[in-house]
Amino acid sequence: MASVVTRPGGNFWIQVKIGDNRKTIRLGRVPRRAAEEICRRVETLNACRLGGVSLDEATAAWVGKLGPDLSSRLAACGLIEARQ
């Protein structure tokens, strides 16, 4: 399960439990709705990883459109493959 953490100054983090470790994805200053949407996608990515199933089309398309900053953060957590 992932959760949105509000930090001072309007910054948002997403915390997700991956295996036995809790990982933090720092989003910076983004709108709350964007942070919540990213949190939902992170939950889907983690559930697919745990279940050993492939991503649905909408999530796969979202991952394909990610910028290099967020995609590298998700890859560092082990949620997606690192881009070359």
PDB file of N, CA and C in Angstrom:
ATOM      1  N   MET A   1       0.832  -1.166   0.000  1.00  0.00           N
ATOM      2  CA  MET A   1       0.000   0.000   0.000  1.00  0.00           C
ATOM      3  C   MET A   1       0.888   1.244   0.000  1.00  0.00           C
ATOM      4  N   ALA A   2       0.490   2.213  -0.765  1.00  0.00           N
ATOM      5  CA  ALA A   2       1.228   3.466  -0.857  1.00  0.00           C
ATOM      6  C   ALA A   2       0.420   4.572  -0.196  1.00  0.00           C
ATOM      7  N   SER A   3       1.115   5.578   0.299  1.00  0.00           N
ATOM      8  CA  SER A   3       0.426   6.703   0.908  1.00  0.00           C
ATOM      9  C   SER A   3       1.128   8.001   0.537  1.00  0.00           C
ATOM     10  N   VAL A   4       0.329   9.063   0.488  1.00  0.00           N
ATOM     11  CA  VAL A   4       0.846  10.395   0.193  1.00  0.00           C
ATOM     12  C   VAL A   4       1.185  11.061   1.511  1.00  0.00           C
ATOM     13  N   VAL A   5       2.388  11.623   1.596  1.00  0.00           N
ATOM     14  CA  VAL A   5       2.843  12.329   2.796  1.00  0.00           C
ATOM     15  C   VAL A   5       3.032  13.800   2.415  1.00  0.00           C
ATOM     16  N   THR A   6       2.394  14.674   3.175  1.00  0.00           N
ATOM     17  CA  THR A   6       2.550  16.108   2.951  1.00  0.00           C
ATOM     18  C   THR A   6       3.696  16.607   3.813  1.00  0.00           C
ATOM     19  N   ARG A   7       4.648  17.252   3.180  1.00  0.00           N
ATOM     20  CA  ARG A   7       5.819  17.783   3.870  1.00  0.00           C
ATOM     21  C   ARG A   7       5.701  19.302   3.963  1.00  0.00           C
ATOM     22  N   PRO A   8       6.479  19.916   4.846  1.00  0.00           N
ATOM     23  CA  PRO A   8       6.447  21.382   4.953  1.00  0.00           C
ATOM     24  C   PRO A   8       6.826  22.049   3.627  1.00  0.00           C
ATOM     25  N   GLY A   9       6.224  23.177   3.375  1.00  0.00           N
ATOM     26  CA  GLY A   9       6.533  23.918   2.159  1.00  0.00           C
ATOM     27  C   GLY A   9       5.762  23.453   0.944  1.00  0.00           C
ATOM     28  N   GLY A  10       4.765  22.583   1.128  1.00  0.00           N
ATOM     29  CA  GLY A  10       3.956  22.126   0.007  1.00  0.00           C
ATOM     30  C   GLY A  10       4.558  20.986  -0.779  1.00  0.00           C
ATOM     31  N   ASN A  11       5.583  20.346  -0.254  1.00  0.00           N
ATOM     32  CA  ASN A  11       6.197  19.209  -0.932  1.00  0.00           C
ATOM     33  C   ASN A  11       5.427  17.934  -0.600  1.00  0.00           C
ATOM     34  N   PHE A  12       5.432  16.991  -1.538  1.00  0.00           N
ATOM     35  CA  PHE A  12       4.761  15.715  -1.332  1.00  0.00           C
ATOM     36  C   PHE A  12       5.743  14.576  -1.508  1.00  0.00           C
ATOM     37  N   TRP A  13       5.546  13.546  -0.717  1.00  0.00           N
ATOM     38  CA  TRP A  13       6.286  12.294  -0.829  1.00  0.00           C
ATOM     39  C   TRP A  13       5.258  11.188  -0.977  1.00  0.00           C
ATOM     40  N   ILE A  14       5.684  10.105  -1.590  1.00  0.00           N
ATOM     41  CA  ILE A  14       4.892   8.878  -1.606  1.00  0.00           C
ATOM     42  C   ILE A  14       5.722   7.827  -0.908  1.00  0.00           C
ATOM     43  N   GLN A  15       5.124   7.165   0.069  1.00  0.00           N
ATOM     44  CA  GLN A  15       5.807   6.075   0.752  1.00  0.00           C
ATOM     45  C   GLN A  15       5.097   4.781   0.412  1.00  0.00           C
ATOM     46  N   VAL A  16       5.881   3.771   0.049  1.00  0.00           N
ATOM     47  CA  VAL A  16       5.330   2.483  -0.354  1.00  0.00           C
ATOM     48  C   VAL A  16       6.188   1.376   0.234  1.00  0.00           C
ATOM     49  N   LYS A  17       5.547   0.311   0.660  1.00  0.00           N
ATOM     50  CA  LYS A  17       6.284  -0.825   1.200  1.00  0.00           C
ATOM     51  C   LYS A  17       6.567  -1.792   0.058  1.00  0.00           C
ATOM     52  N   ILE A  18       7.854  -2.004  -0.187  1.00  0.00           N
ATOM     53  CA  ILE A  18       8.297  -2.911  -1.240  1.00  0.00           C
ATOM     54  C   ILE A  18       9.120  -3.990  -0.572  1.00  0.00           C
ATOM     55  N   GLY A  19       8.570  -5.190  -0.547  1.00  0.00           N
ATOM     56  CA  GLY A  19       9.223  -6.265   0.189  1.00  0.00           C
ATOM     57  C   GLY A  19       9.143  -5.953   1.672  1.00  0.00           C
ATOM     58  N   ASP A  20      10.270  -6.014   2.351  1.00  0.00           N
ATOM     59  CA  ASP A  20      10.312  -5.689   3.775  1.00  0.00           C
ATOM     60  C   ASP A  20      10.745  -4.256   4.035  1.00  0.00           C
ATOM     61  N   ASN A  21      10.968  -3.486   2.980  1.00  0.00           N
ATOM     62  CA  ASN A  21      11.471  -2.116   3.119  1.00  0.00           C
ATOM     63  C   ASN A  21      10.408  -1.098   2.736  1.00  0.00           C
ATOM     64  N   ARG A  22      10.443   0.044   3.394  1.00  0.00           N
ATOM     65  CA  ARG A  22       9.584   1.163   3.020  1.00  0.00           C
ATOM     66  C   ARG A  22      10.414   2.119   2.180  1.00  0.00           C
ATOM     67  N   LYS A  23       9.950   2.400   0.991  1.00  0.00           N
ATOM     68  CA  LYS A  23      10.640   3.302   0.068  1.00  0.00           C
ATOM     69  C   LYS A  23       9.902   4.630   0.007  1.00  0.00           C
ATOM     70  N   THR A  24      10.651   5.700  -0.181  1.00  0.00           N
ATOM     71  CA  THR A  24      10.084   7.038  -0.289  1.00  0.00           C
ATOM     72  C   THR A  24      10.400   7.602  -1.665  1.00  0.00           C
ATOM     73  N   ILE A  25       9.373   8.074  -2.329  1.00  0.00           N
ATOM     74  CA  ILE A  25       9.518   8.729  -3.632  1.00  0.00           C
ATOM     75  C   ILE A  25       9.197  10.196  -3.403  1.00  0.00           C
ATOM     76  N   ARG A  26      10.181  11.040  -3.545  1.00  0.00           N
ATOM     77  CA  ARG A  26       9.995  12.470  -3.314  1.00  0.00           C
ATOM     78  C   ARG A  26       9.521  13.139  -4.602  1.00  0.00           C
ATOM     79  N   LEU A  27       8.372  13.786  -4.530  1.00  0.00           N
ATOM     80  CA  LEU A  27       7.780  14.410  -5.709  1.00  0.00           C
ATOM     81  C   LEU A  27       8.071  15.899  -5.800  1.00  0.00           C
ATOM     82  N   GLY A  28       8.355  16.528  -4.680  1.00  0.00           N
ATOM     83  CA  GLY A  28       8.584  17.970  -4.687  1.00  0.00           C
ATOM     84  C   GLY A  28       7.264  18.712  -4.638  1.00  0.00           C
ATOM     85  N   ARG A  29       7.251  19.920  -5.191  1.00  0.00           N
ATOM     86  CA  ARG A  29       6.044  20.749  -5.174  1.00  0.00           C
ATOM     87  C   ARG A  29       5.197  20.435  -6.394  1.00  0.00           C
ATOM     88  N   VAL A  30       4.190  19.619  -6.181  1.00  0.00           N
ATOM     89  CA  VAL A  30       3.219  19.283  -7.219  1.00  0.00           C
ATOM     90  C   VAL A  30       1.832  19.481  -6.617  1.00  0.00           C
ATOM     91  N   PRO A  31       0.809  19.633  -7.450  1.00  0.00           N
ATOM     92  CA  PRO A  31      -0.545  19.722  -6.903  1.00  0.00           C
ATOM     93  C   PRO A  31      -0.930  18.422  -6.172  1.00  0.00           C
ATOM     94  N   ARG A  32      -1.780  18.555  -5.176  1.00  0.00           N
ATOM     95  CA  ARG A  32      -2.196  17.388  -4.383  1.00  0.00           C
ATOM     96  C   ARG A  32      -2.835  16.318  -5.266  1.00  0.00           C
ATOM     97  N   ARG A  33      -3.646  16.725  -6.214  1.00  0.00           N
ATOM     98  CA  ARG A  33      -4.293  15.752  -7.099  1.00  0.00           C
ATOM     99  C   ARG A  33      -3.272  14.959  -7.906  1.00  0.00           C
ATOM    100  N   ALA A  34      -2.227  15.625  -8.342  1.00  0.00           N
ATOM    101  CA  ALA A  34      -1.171  14.925  -9.078  1.00  0.00           C
ATOM    102  C   ALA A  34      -0.480  13.913  -8.175  1.00  0.00           C
ATOM    103  N   ALA A  35      -0.209  14.305  -6.930  1.00  0.00           N
ATOM    104  CA  ALA A  35       0.430  13.390  -5.976  1.00  0.00           C
ATOM    105  C   ALA A  35      -0.466  12.179  -5.706  1.00  0.00           C
ATOM    106  N   GLU A  36      -1.774  12.408  -5.584  1.00  0.00           N
ATOM    107  CA  GLU A  36      -2.703  11.303  -5.348  1.00  0.00           C
ATOM    108  C   GLU A  36      -2.788  10.374  -6.551  1.00  0.00           C
ATOM    109  N   GLU A  37      -2.757  10.932  -7.748  1.00  0.00           N
ATOM    110  CA  GLU A  37      -2.781  10.109  -8.964  1.00  0.00           C
ATOM    111  C   GLU A  37      -1.515   9.267  -9.074  1.00  0.00           C
ATOM    112  N   ILE A  38      -0.369   9.862  -8.799  1.00  0.00           N
ATOM    113  CA  ILE A  38       0.889   9.118  -8.827  1.00  0.00           C
ATOM    114  C   ILE A  38       0.853   8.014  -7.772  1.00  0.00           C
ATOM    115  N   CYS A  39       0.281   8.302  -6.621  1.00  0.00           N
ATOM    116  CA  CYS A  39       0.165   7.311  -5.555  1.00  0.00           C
ATOM    117  C   CYS A  39      -0.674   6.119  -6.020  1.00  0.00           C
ATOM    118  N   ARG A  40      -1.789   6.383  -6.694  1.00  0.00           N
ATOM    119  CA  ARG A  40      -2.625   5.290  -7.209  1.00  0.00           C
ATOM    120  C   ARG A  40      -1.859   4.450  -8.223  1.00  0.00           C
ATOM    121  N   ARG A  41      -1.090   5.102  -9.078  1.00  0.00           N
ATOM    122  CA  ARG A  41      -0.312   4.367 -10.084  1.00  0.00           C
ATOM    123  C   ARG A  41       0.786   3.541  -9.422  1.00  0.00           C
ATOM    124  N   VAL A  42       1.411   4.093  -8.388  1.00  0.00           N
ATOM    125  CA  VAL A  42       2.453   3.363  -7.658  1.00  0.00           C
ATOM    126  C   VAL A  42       1.856   2.122  -6.995  1.00  0.00           C
ATOM    127  N   GLU A  43       0.654   2.241  -6.439  1.00  0.00           N
ATOM    128  CA  GLU A  43      -0.019   1.086  -5.853  1.00  0.00           C
ATOM    129  C   GLU A  43      -0.273   0.009  -6.896  1.00  0.00           C
ATOM    130  N   THR A  44      -0.700   0.419  -8.083  1.00  0.00           N
ATOM    131  CA  THR A  44      -0.936  -0.535  -9.167  1.00  0.00           C
ATOM    132  C   THR A  44       0.363  -1.208  -9.593  1.00  0.00           C
ATOM    133  N   LEU A  45       1.430  -0.431  -9.743  1.00  0.00           N
ATOM    134  CA  LEU A  45       2.728  -0.992 -10.120  1.00  0.00           C
ATOM    135  C   LEU A  45       3.207  -2.001  -9.078  1.00  0.00           C
ATOM    136  N   ASN A  46       3.047  -1.674  -7.818  1.00  0.00           N
ATOM    137  CA  ASN A  46       3.497  -2.561  -6.750  1.00  0.00           C
ATOM    138  C   ASN A  46       2.649  -3.835  -6.721  1.00  0.00           C
ATOM    139  N   ALA A  47       1.345  -3.706  -6.904  1.00  0.00           N
ATOM    140  CA  ALA A  47       0.471  -4.887  -6.906  1.00  0.00           C
ATOM    141  C   ALA A  47       0.804  -5.819  -8.072  1.00  0.00           C
ATOM    142  N   CYS A  48       1.077  -5.258  -9.228  1.00  0.00           N
ATOM    143  CA  CYS A  48       1.445  -6.079 -10.388  1.00  0.00           C
ATOM    144  C   CYS A  48       2.785  -6.766 -10.162  1.00  0.00           C
ATOM    145  N   ARG A  49       3.709  -6.042  -9.529  1.00  0.00           N
ATOM    146  CA  ARG A  49       5.014  -6.620  -9.243  1.00  0.00           C
ATOM    147  C   ARG A  49       4.876  -7.775  -8.255  1.00  0.00           C
ATOM    148  N   LEU A  50       4.086  -7.573  -7.210  1.00  0.00           N
ATOM    149  CA  LEU A  50       3.894  -8.619  -6.202  1.00  0.00           C
ATOM    150  C   LEU A  50       3.163  -9.827  -6.775  1.00  0.00           C
ATOM    151  N   GLY A  51       2.171  -9.568  -7.615  1.00  0.00           N
ATOM    152  CA  GLY A  51       1.377 -10.648  -8.188  1.00  0.00           C
ATOM    153  C   GLY A  51       2.035 -11.327  -9.369  1.00  0.00           C
ATOM    154  N   GLY A  52       3.086 -10.737  -9.904  1.00  0.00           N
ATOM    155  CA  GLY A  52       3.764 -11.317 -11.053  1.00  0.00           C
ATOM    156  C   GLY A  52       2.946 -11.254 -12.332  1.00  0.00           C
ATOM    157  N   VAL A  53       2.103 -10.229 -12.444  1.00  0.00           N
ATOM    158  CA  VAL A  53       1.274 -10.061 -13.630  1.00  0.00           C
ATOM    159  C   VAL A  53       1.742  -8.836 -14.403  1.00  0.00           C
ATOM    160  N   SER A  54       1.364  -8.785 -15.668  1.00  0.00           N
ATOM    161  CA  SER A  54       1.760  -7.644 -16.485  1.00  0.00           C
ATOM    162  C   SER A  54       0.821  -6.465 -16.209  1.00  0.00           C
ATOM    163  N   LEU A  55       1.283  -5.289 -16.582  1.00  0.00           N
ATOM    164  CA  LEU A  55       0.528  -4.058 -16.346  1.00  0.00           C
ATOM    165  C   LEU A  55      -0.670  -3.974 -17.276  1.00  0.00           C
ATOM    166  N   ASP A  56      -1.725  -3.310 -16.812  1.00  0.00           N
ATOM    167  CA  ASP A  56      -2.855  -3.035 -17.689  1.00  0.00           C
ATOM    168  C   ASP A  56      -2.446  -1.954 -18.689  1.00  0.00           C
ATOM    169  N   GLU A  57      -3.244  -1.785 -19.729  1.00  0.00           N
ATOM    170  CA  GLU A  57      -2.879  -0.852 -20.804  1.00  0.00           C
ATOM    171  C   GLU A  57      -2.726   0.587 -20.313  1.00  0.00           C
ATOM    172  N   ALA A  58      -3.636   1.025 -19.451  1.00  0.00           N
ATOM    173  CA  ALA A  58      -3.593   2.419 -18.991  1.00  0.00           C
ATOM    174  C   ALA A  58      -2.330   2.689 -18.177  1.00  0.00           C
ATOM    175  N   THR A  59      -1.969   1.768 -17.299  1.00  0.00           N
ATOM    176  CA  THR A  59      -0.771   1.958 -16.480  1.00  0.00           C
ATOM    177  C   THR A  59       0.487   1.867 -17.336  1.00  0.00           C
ATOM    178  N   ALA A  60       0.507   0.943 -18.278  1.00  0.00           N
ATOM    179  CA  ALA A  60       1.664   0.816 -19.169  1.00  0.00           C
ATOM    180  C   ALA A  60       1.839   2.083 -20.009  1.00  0.00           C
ATOM    181  N   ALA A  61       0.737   2.660 -20.467  1.00  0.00           N
ATOM    182  CA  ALA A  61       0.821   3.905 -21.236  1.00  0.00           C
ATOM    183  C   ALA A  61       1.321   5.044 -20.357  1.00  0.00           C
ATOM    184  N   TRP A  62       0.869   5.084 -19.098  1.00  0.00           N
ATOM    185  CA  TRP A  62       1.319   6.113 -18.160  1.00  0.00           C
ATOM    186  C   TRP A  62       2.822   6.003 -17.916  1.00  0.00           C
ATOM    187  N   VAL A  63       3.308   4.789 -17.730  1.00  0.00           N
ATOM    188  CA  VAL A  63       4.742   4.570 -17.511  1.00  0.00           C
ATOM    189  C   VAL A  63       5.530   5.008 -18.741  1.00  0.00           C
ATOM    190  N   GLY A  64       4.998   4.739 -19.926  1.00  0.00           N
ATOM    191  CA  GLY A  64       5.673   5.135 -21.159  1.00  0.00           C
ATOM    192  C   GLY A  64       5.787   6.638 -21.325  1.00  0.00           C
ATOM    193  N   LYS A  65       4.850   7.385 -20.749  1.00  0.00           N
ATOM    194  CA  LYS A  65       4.847   8.842 -20.881  1.00  0.00           C
ATOM    195  C   LYS A  65       5.619   9.558 -19.776  1.00  0.00           C
ATOM    196  N   LEU A  66       6.114   8.822 -18.801  1.00  0.00           N
ATOM    197  CA  LEU A  66       6.809   9.453 -17.672  1.00  0.00           C
ATOM    198  C   LEU A  66       8.068  10.173 -18.129  1.00  0.00           C
ATOM    199  N   GLY A  67       8.342  11.270 -17.460  1.00  0.00           N
ATOM    200  CA  GLY A  67       9.583  11.991 -17.702  1.00  0.00           C
ATOM    201  C   GLY A  67      10.750  11.246 -17.075  1.00  0.00           C
ATOM    202  N   PRO A  68      11.967  11.628 -17.427  1.00  0.00           N
ATOM    203  CA  PRO A  68      13.138  10.912 -16.918  1.00  0.00           C
ATOM    204  C   PRO A  68      13.310  11.019 -15.410  1.00  0.00           C
ATOM    205  N   ASP A  69      12.855  12.121 -14.818  1.00  0.00           N
ATOM    206  CA  ASP A  69      13.009  12.331 -13.383  1.00  0.00           C
ATOM    207  C   ASP A  69      12.202  11.308 -12.577  1.00  0.00           C
ATOM    208  N   LEU A  70      10.903  11.250 -12.840  1.00  0.00           N
ATOM    209  CA  LEU A  70      10.035  10.343 -12.088  1.00  0.00           C
ATOM    210  C   LEU A  70      10.309   8.886 -12.442  1.00  0.00           C
ATOM    211  N   SER A  71      10.602   8.612 -13.701  1.00  0.00           N
ATOM    212  CA  SER A  71      10.866   7.223 -14.078  1.00  0.00           C
ATOM    213  C   SER A  71      12.127   6.691 -13.400  1.00  0.00           C
ATOM    214  N   SER A  72      13.140   7.539 -13.231  1.00  0.00           N
ATOM    215  CA  SER A  72      14.350   7.084 -12.538  1.00  0.00           C
ATOM    216  C   SER A  72      14.074   6.849 -11.052  1.00  0.00           C
ATOM    217  N   ARG A  73      13.186   7.636 -10.465  1.00  0.00           N
ATOM    218  CA  ARG A  73      12.822   7.442  -9.057  1.00  0.00           C
ATOM    219  C   ARG A  73      12.044   6.142  -8.864  1.00  0.00           C
ATOM    220  N   LEU A  74      11.144   5.848  -9.785  1.00  0.00           N
ATOM    221  CA  LEU A  74      10.388   4.589  -9.700  1.00  0.00           C
ATOM    222  C   LEU A  74      11.296   3.394  -9.965  1.00  0.00           C
ATOM    223  N   ALA A  75      12.245   3.552 -10.859  1.00  0.00           N
ATOM    224  CA  ALA A  75      13.187   2.468 -11.139  1.00  0.00           C
ATOM    225  C   ALA A  75      14.095   2.219  -9.945  1.00  0.00           C
ATOM    226  N   ALA A  76      14.482   3.274  -9.235  1.00  0.00           N
ATOM    227  CA  ALA A  76      15.334   3.112  -8.058  1.00  0.00           C
ATOM    228  C   ALA A  76      14.615   2.326  -6.965  1.00  0.00           C
ATOM    229  N   CYS A  77      13.302   2.419  -6.936  1.00  0.00           N
ATOM    230  CA  CYS A  77      12.517   1.669  -5.951  1.00  0.00           C
ATOM    231  C   CYS A  77      12.240   0.240  -6.415  1.00  0.00           C
ATOM    232  N   GLY A  78      12.502  -0.045  -7.685  1.00  0.00           N
ATOM    233  CA  GLY A  78      12.260  -1.377  -8.208  1.00  0.00           C
ATOM    234  C   GLY A  78      10.852  -1.572  -8.749  1.00  0.00           C
ATOM    235  N   LEU A  79      10.133  -0.489  -8.988  1.00  0.00           N
ATOM    236  CA  LEU A  79       8.768  -0.605  -9.487  1.00  0.00           C
ATOM    237  C   LEU A  79       8.701  -0.747 -11.002  1.00  0.00           C
ATOM    238  N   ILE A  80       9.662  -0.162 -11.716  1.00  0.00           N
ATOM    239  CA  ILE A  80       9.734  -0.298 -13.168  1.00  0.00           C
ATOM    240  C   ILE A  80      11.178  -0.582 -13.555  1.00  0.00           C
ATOM    241  N   GLU A  81      11.373  -0.969 -14.805  1.00  0.00           N
ATOM    242  CA  GLU A  81      12.713  -1.189 -15.331  1.00  0.00           C
ATOM    243  C   GLU A  81      13.387   0.141 -15.603  1.00  0.00           C
ATOM    244  N   ALA A  82      14.657   0.228 -15.372  1.00  0.00           N
ATOM    245  CA  ALA A  82      15.408   1.460 -15.635  1.00  0.00           C
ATOM    246  C   ALA A  82      15.492   1.694 -17.144  1.00  0.00           C
ATOM    247  N   ARG A  83      15.362   2.939 -17.524  1.00  0.00           N
ATOM    248  CA  ARG A  83      15.468   3.300 -18.947  1.00  0.00           C
ATOM    249  C   ARG A  83      16.924   3.478 -19.310  1.00  0.00           C
ATOM    250  N   GLN A  84      17.200   3.241 -20.553  1.00  0.00           N
ATOM    251  CA  GLN A  84      18.585   3.388 -21.044  1.00  0.00           C
ATOM    252  C   GLN A  84      18.832   4.804 -21.511  1.00  0.00           C
TER     253      GLN A  84
END
